[in-house]
Amino acid sequence: MKKLSKNKIIITAAVSVLATIVVFQQTSVAGSKSDEPRSMAWYTANIKIAEAKNKECRSDSSGAELQATSDCVNALQALELRFNVRH
């Protein structure tokens, strides 16, 4: 078996550590953001997601309860702003 040079070992270790950090940060951000409502500005910039959220809010069986959440309100406002429509 061929010996690895000291530089290759250091580079491999550094890449492994960086990959672990990136994965951990992505997991942490995804976990913390999932509970926080998105802003109207965010939904305006992500109009396809706003459309999906609005559809989800309107089709939910709990009705007004879900539609009153910040995410639903912000998604609807973003769609109204983007398409200049009032419901």
N, C-alpha and C. Protein backbone atom coordinates (compact mmCIF):
# COMPACT_ATOMS: atom_id res chain seq x y z
N MET A 1 0.85 -1.18 0.00
CA MET A 1 0.00 0.00 0.00
C MET A 1 0.89 1.24 0.00
N LYS A 2 0.53 2.20 -0.82
CA LYS A 2 1.31 3.41 -0.98
C LYS A 2 1.05 4.37 0.18
N LYS A 3 2.11 4.98 0.70
CA LYS A 3 1.97 5.93 1.79
C LYS A 3 1.45 7.26 1.26
N LEU A 4 0.55 7.87 2.03
CA LEU A 4 0.06 9.19 1.67
C LEU A 4 1.03 10.23 2.20
N SER A 5 1.23 11.26 1.40
CA SER A 5 2.10 12.33 1.86
C SER A 5 1.41 13.13 2.96
N LYS A 6 2.21 13.82 3.73
CA LYS A 6 1.67 14.62 4.83
C LYS A 6 0.69 15.67 4.31
N ASN A 7 0.99 16.28 3.18
CA ASN A 7 0.11 17.30 2.60
C ASN A 7 -1.24 16.71 2.19
N LYS A 8 -1.24 15.52 1.62
CA LYS A 8 -2.49 14.90 1.20
C LYS A 8 -3.36 14.56 2.41
N ILE A 9 -2.72 14.13 3.48
CA ILE A 9 -3.47 13.81 4.70
C ILE A 9 -4.09 15.08 5.27
N ILE A 10 -3.33 16.17 5.30
CA ILE A 10 -3.85 17.43 5.82
C ILE A 10 -5.00 17.95 4.96
N ILE A 11 -4.84 17.89 3.66
CA ILE A 11 -5.89 18.36 2.74
C ILE A 11 -7.15 17.50 2.90
N THR A 12 -6.99 16.20 2.99
CA THR A 12 -8.13 15.30 3.17
C THR A 12 -8.85 15.59 4.48
N ALA A 13 -8.09 15.79 5.54
CA ALA A 13 -8.68 16.10 6.84
C ALA A 13 -9.42 17.44 6.79
N ALA A 14 -8.82 18.44 6.17
CA ALA A 14 -9.44 19.77 6.08
C ALA A 14 -10.74 19.71 5.28
N VAL A 15 -10.75 18.99 4.18
CA VAL A 15 -11.96 18.84 3.36
C VAL A 15 -13.05 18.12 4.16
N SER A 16 -12.66 17.11 4.90
CA SER A 16 -13.65 16.38 5.71
C SER A 16 -14.25 17.27 6.78
N VAL A 17 -13.42 18.06 7.44
CA VAL A 17 -13.92 18.98 8.47
C VAL A 17 -14.84 20.02 7.86
N LEU A 18 -14.44 20.61 6.74
CA LEU A 18 -15.28 21.61 6.09
C LEU A 18 -16.61 21.03 5.63
N ALA A 19 -16.59 19.82 5.09
CA ALA A 19 -17.83 19.18 4.65
C ALA A 19 -18.75 18.94 5.84
N THR A 20 -18.18 18.52 6.96
CA THR A 20 -18.98 18.30 8.16
C THR A 20 -19.60 19.59 8.66
N ILE A 21 -18.82 20.67 8.64
CA ILE A 21 -19.33 21.98 9.07
C ILE A 21 -20.47 22.43 8.17
N VAL A 22 -20.30 22.31 6.87
CA VAL A 22 -21.34 22.73 5.93
C VAL A 22 -22.62 21.93 6.14
N VAL A 23 -22.50 20.63 6.29
CA VAL A 23 -23.68 19.79 6.52
C VAL A 23 -24.37 20.19 7.83
N PHE A 24 -23.59 20.41 8.87
CA PHE A 24 -24.15 20.80 10.16
C PHE A 24 -24.87 22.14 10.05
N GLN A 25 -24.27 23.12 9.36
CA GLN A 25 -24.90 24.43 9.21
C GLN A 25 -26.19 24.33 8.41
N GLN A 26 -26.18 23.56 7.35
CA GLN A 26 -27.38 23.40 6.53
C GLN A 26 -28.50 22.76 7.35
N THR A 27 -28.16 21.78 8.14
CA THR A 27 -29.16 21.11 8.98
C THR A 27 -29.68 22.06 10.04
N SER A 28 -28.79 22.84 10.65
CA SER A 28 -29.20 23.78 11.69
C SER A 28 -30.09 24.87 11.12
N VAL A 29 -29.73 25.42 9.98
CA VAL A 29 -30.52 26.48 9.35
C VAL A 29 -31.88 25.94 8.94
N ALA A 30 -31.91 24.77 8.34
CA ALA A 30 -33.18 24.18 7.91
C ALA A 30 -34.08 23.93 9.11
N GLY A 31 -33.52 23.45 10.20
CA GLY A 31 -34.31 23.19 11.39
C GLY A 31 -34.84 24.44 12.03
N SER A 32 -34.04 25.49 12.09
CA SER A 32 -34.48 26.71 12.75
C SER A 32 -35.44 27.51 11.88
N LYS A 33 -35.27 27.46 10.59
CA LYS A 33 -36.11 28.25 9.69
C LYS A 33 -37.48 27.62 9.46
N SER A 34 -37.60 26.33 9.64
CA SER A 34 -38.86 25.67 9.31
C SER A 34 -40.00 26.13 10.21
N ASP A 35 -39.68 26.55 11.44
CA ASP A 35 -40.72 26.99 12.35
C ASP A 35 -41.01 28.48 12.24
N GLU A 36 -40.09 29.23 11.67
CA GLU A 36 -40.26 30.66 11.56
C GLU A 36 -41.03 31.00 10.29
N PRO A 37 -42.01 31.91 10.40
CA PRO A 37 -42.75 32.30 9.20
C PRO A 37 -41.86 33.09 8.24
N ARG A 38 -42.12 32.93 6.98
CA ARG A 38 -41.40 33.69 5.94
C ARG A 38 -42.06 35.06 5.80
N SER A 39 -41.27 36.04 5.44
CA SER A 39 -41.80 37.40 5.29
C SER A 39 -42.50 37.55 3.94
N MET A 40 -43.27 38.62 3.81
CA MET A 40 -43.92 38.91 2.54
C MET A 40 -42.86 39.14 1.46
N ALA A 41 -41.78 39.82 1.83
CA ALA A 41 -40.69 40.08 0.87
C ALA A 41 -40.08 38.76 0.38
N TRP A 42 -39.91 37.81 1.30
CA TRP A 42 -39.35 36.52 0.90
C TRP A 42 -40.29 35.82 -0.07
N TYR A 43 -41.58 35.82 0.24
CA TYR A 43 -42.55 35.19 -0.66
C TYR A 43 -42.62 35.92 -2.00
N THR A 44 -42.45 37.24 -2.00
CA THR A 44 -42.46 38.00 -3.25
C THR A 44 -41.28 37.58 -4.13
N ALA A 45 -40.15 37.33 -3.49
CA ALA A 45 -38.96 36.90 -4.23
C ALA A 45 -39.03 35.43 -4.63
N ASN A 46 -39.90 34.67 -3.99
CA ASN A 46 -40.05 33.23 -4.27
C ASN A 46 -41.52 32.95 -4.59
N ILE A 47 -41.97 33.51 -5.69
CA ILE A 47 -43.40 33.54 -6.01
C ILE A 47 -43.99 32.15 -6.21
N LYS A 48 -43.23 31.21 -6.74
CA LYS A 48 -43.74 29.84 -6.92
C LYS A 48 -44.03 29.19 -5.57
N ILE A 49 -43.18 29.45 -4.59
CA ILE A 49 -43.42 28.92 -3.25
C ILE A 49 -44.61 29.62 -2.61
N ALA A 50 -44.76 30.91 -2.89
CA ALA A 50 -45.92 31.66 -2.38
C ALA A 50 -47.21 31.07 -2.95
N GLU A 51 -47.20 30.72 -4.23
CA GLU A 51 -48.38 30.11 -4.85
C GLU A 51 -48.69 28.77 -4.20
N ALA A 52 -47.66 27.97 -3.95
CA ALA A 52 -47.87 26.66 -3.32
C ALA A 52 -48.38 26.83 -1.89
N LYS A 53 -47.82 27.77 -1.16
CA LYS A 53 -48.25 28.01 0.22
C LYS A 53 -49.69 28.50 0.24
N ASN A 54 -50.04 29.39 -0.67
CA ASN A 54 -51.40 29.91 -0.74
C ASN A 54 -52.38 28.78 -1.05
N LYS A 55 -52.01 27.91 -1.96
CA LYS A 55 -52.86 26.77 -2.29
C LYS A 55 -53.03 25.86 -1.07
N GLU A 56 -51.92 25.62 -0.36
CA GLU A 56 -51.97 24.80 0.85
C GLU A 56 -52.88 25.44 1.90
N CYS A 57 -52.77 26.75 2.06
CA CYS A 57 -53.57 27.46 3.07
C CYS A 57 -55.06 27.41 2.74
N ARG A 58 -55.39 27.52 1.48
CA ARG A 58 -56.79 27.55 1.07
C ARG A 58 -57.42 26.16 1.05
N SER A 59 -56.59 25.13 0.89
CA SER A 59 -57.16 23.78 0.79
C SER A 59 -57.17 23.04 2.12
N ASP A 60 -56.61 23.64 3.16
CA ASP A 60 -56.56 22.98 4.46
C ASP A 60 -57.95 22.90 5.08
N SER A 61 -58.22 21.80 5.74
CA SER A 61 -59.55 21.59 6.32
C SER A 61 -59.82 22.46 7.54
N SER A 62 -58.76 22.98 8.19
CA SER A 62 -58.99 23.84 9.35
C SER A 62 -59.42 25.24 8.94
N GLY A 63 -59.34 25.54 7.65
CA GLY A 63 -59.88 26.79 7.11
C GLY A 63 -59.25 28.04 7.65
N ALA A 64 -60.04 28.87 8.30
CA ALA A 64 -59.61 30.20 8.73
C ALA A 64 -58.44 30.14 9.70
N GLU A 65 -58.35 29.08 10.47
CA GLU A 65 -57.26 28.98 11.45
C GLU A 65 -55.89 28.98 10.76
N LEU A 66 -55.73 28.16 9.74
CA LEU A 66 -54.46 28.14 9.01
C LEU A 66 -54.28 29.41 8.19
N GLN A 67 -55.35 29.88 7.58
CA GLN A 67 -55.25 31.08 6.75
C GLN A 67 -54.84 32.31 7.54
N ALA A 68 -55.02 32.28 8.85
CA ALA A 68 -54.65 33.41 9.71
C ALA A 68 -53.19 33.38 10.13
N THR A 69 -52.46 32.31 9.81
CA THR A 69 -51.06 32.23 10.20
C THR A 69 -50.23 33.23 9.39
N SER A 70 -49.10 33.62 9.95
CA SER A 70 -48.23 34.59 9.28
C SER A 70 -47.79 34.12 7.91
N ASP A 71 -47.45 32.84 7.78
CA ASP A 71 -47.03 32.33 6.48
C ASP A 71 -48.13 32.47 5.43
N CYS A 72 -49.34 32.12 5.79
CA CYS A 72 -50.44 32.21 4.83
C CYS A 72 -50.75 33.66 4.47
N VAL A 73 -50.77 34.51 5.47
CA VAL A 73 -51.04 35.93 5.23
C VAL A 73 -49.94 36.53 4.35
N ASN A 74 -48.68 36.24 4.67
CA ASN A 74 -47.57 36.81 3.90
C ASN A 74 -47.53 36.28 2.48
N ALA A 75 -47.83 35.00 2.29
CA ALA A 75 -47.86 34.44 0.94
C ALA A 75 -48.96 35.09 0.11
N LEU A 76 -50.13 35.25 0.70
CA LEU A 76 -51.24 35.88 -0.02
C LEU A 76 -50.91 37.34 -0.36
N GLN A 77 -50.34 38.07 0.59
CA GLN A 77 -49.98 39.47 0.33
C GLN A 77 -48.93 39.57 -0.77
N ALA A 78 -47.99 38.65 -0.78
CA ALA A 78 -46.97 38.65 -1.83
C ALA A 78 -47.60 38.42 -3.20
N LEU A 79 -48.56 37.49 -3.27
CA LEU A 79 -49.25 37.23 -4.53
C LEU A 79 -50.07 38.44 -4.96
N GLU A 80 -50.75 39.07 -4.01
CA GLU A 80 -51.53 40.26 -4.33
C GLU A 80 -50.63 41.38 -4.84
N LEU A 81 -49.50 41.56 -4.20
CA LEU A 81 -48.56 42.59 -4.61
C LEU A 81 -47.99 42.29 -5.99
N ARG A 82 -47.62 41.05 -6.20
CA ARG A 82 -46.99 40.65 -7.46
C ARG A 82 -47.97 40.75 -8.64
N PHE A 83 -49.20 40.31 -8.42
CA PHE A 83 -50.16 40.27 -9.50
C PHE A 83 -51.21 41.38 -9.41
N ASN A 84 -51.05 42.27 -8.42
CA ASN A 84 -51.94 43.41 -8.24
C ASN A 84 -53.41 42.98 -8.19
N VAL A 85 -53.65 41.95 -7.37
CA VAL A 85 -54.99 41.39 -7.23
C VAL A 85 -55.41 41.48 -5.77
N ARG A 86 -56.66 41.81 -5.54
CA ARG A 86 -57.22 41.83 -4.20
C ARG A 86 -58.33 40.80 -4.12
N HIS A 87 -58.34 40.02 -3.03
CA HIS A 87 -59.39 39.02 -2.80
C HIS A 87 -60.32 39.48 -1.73
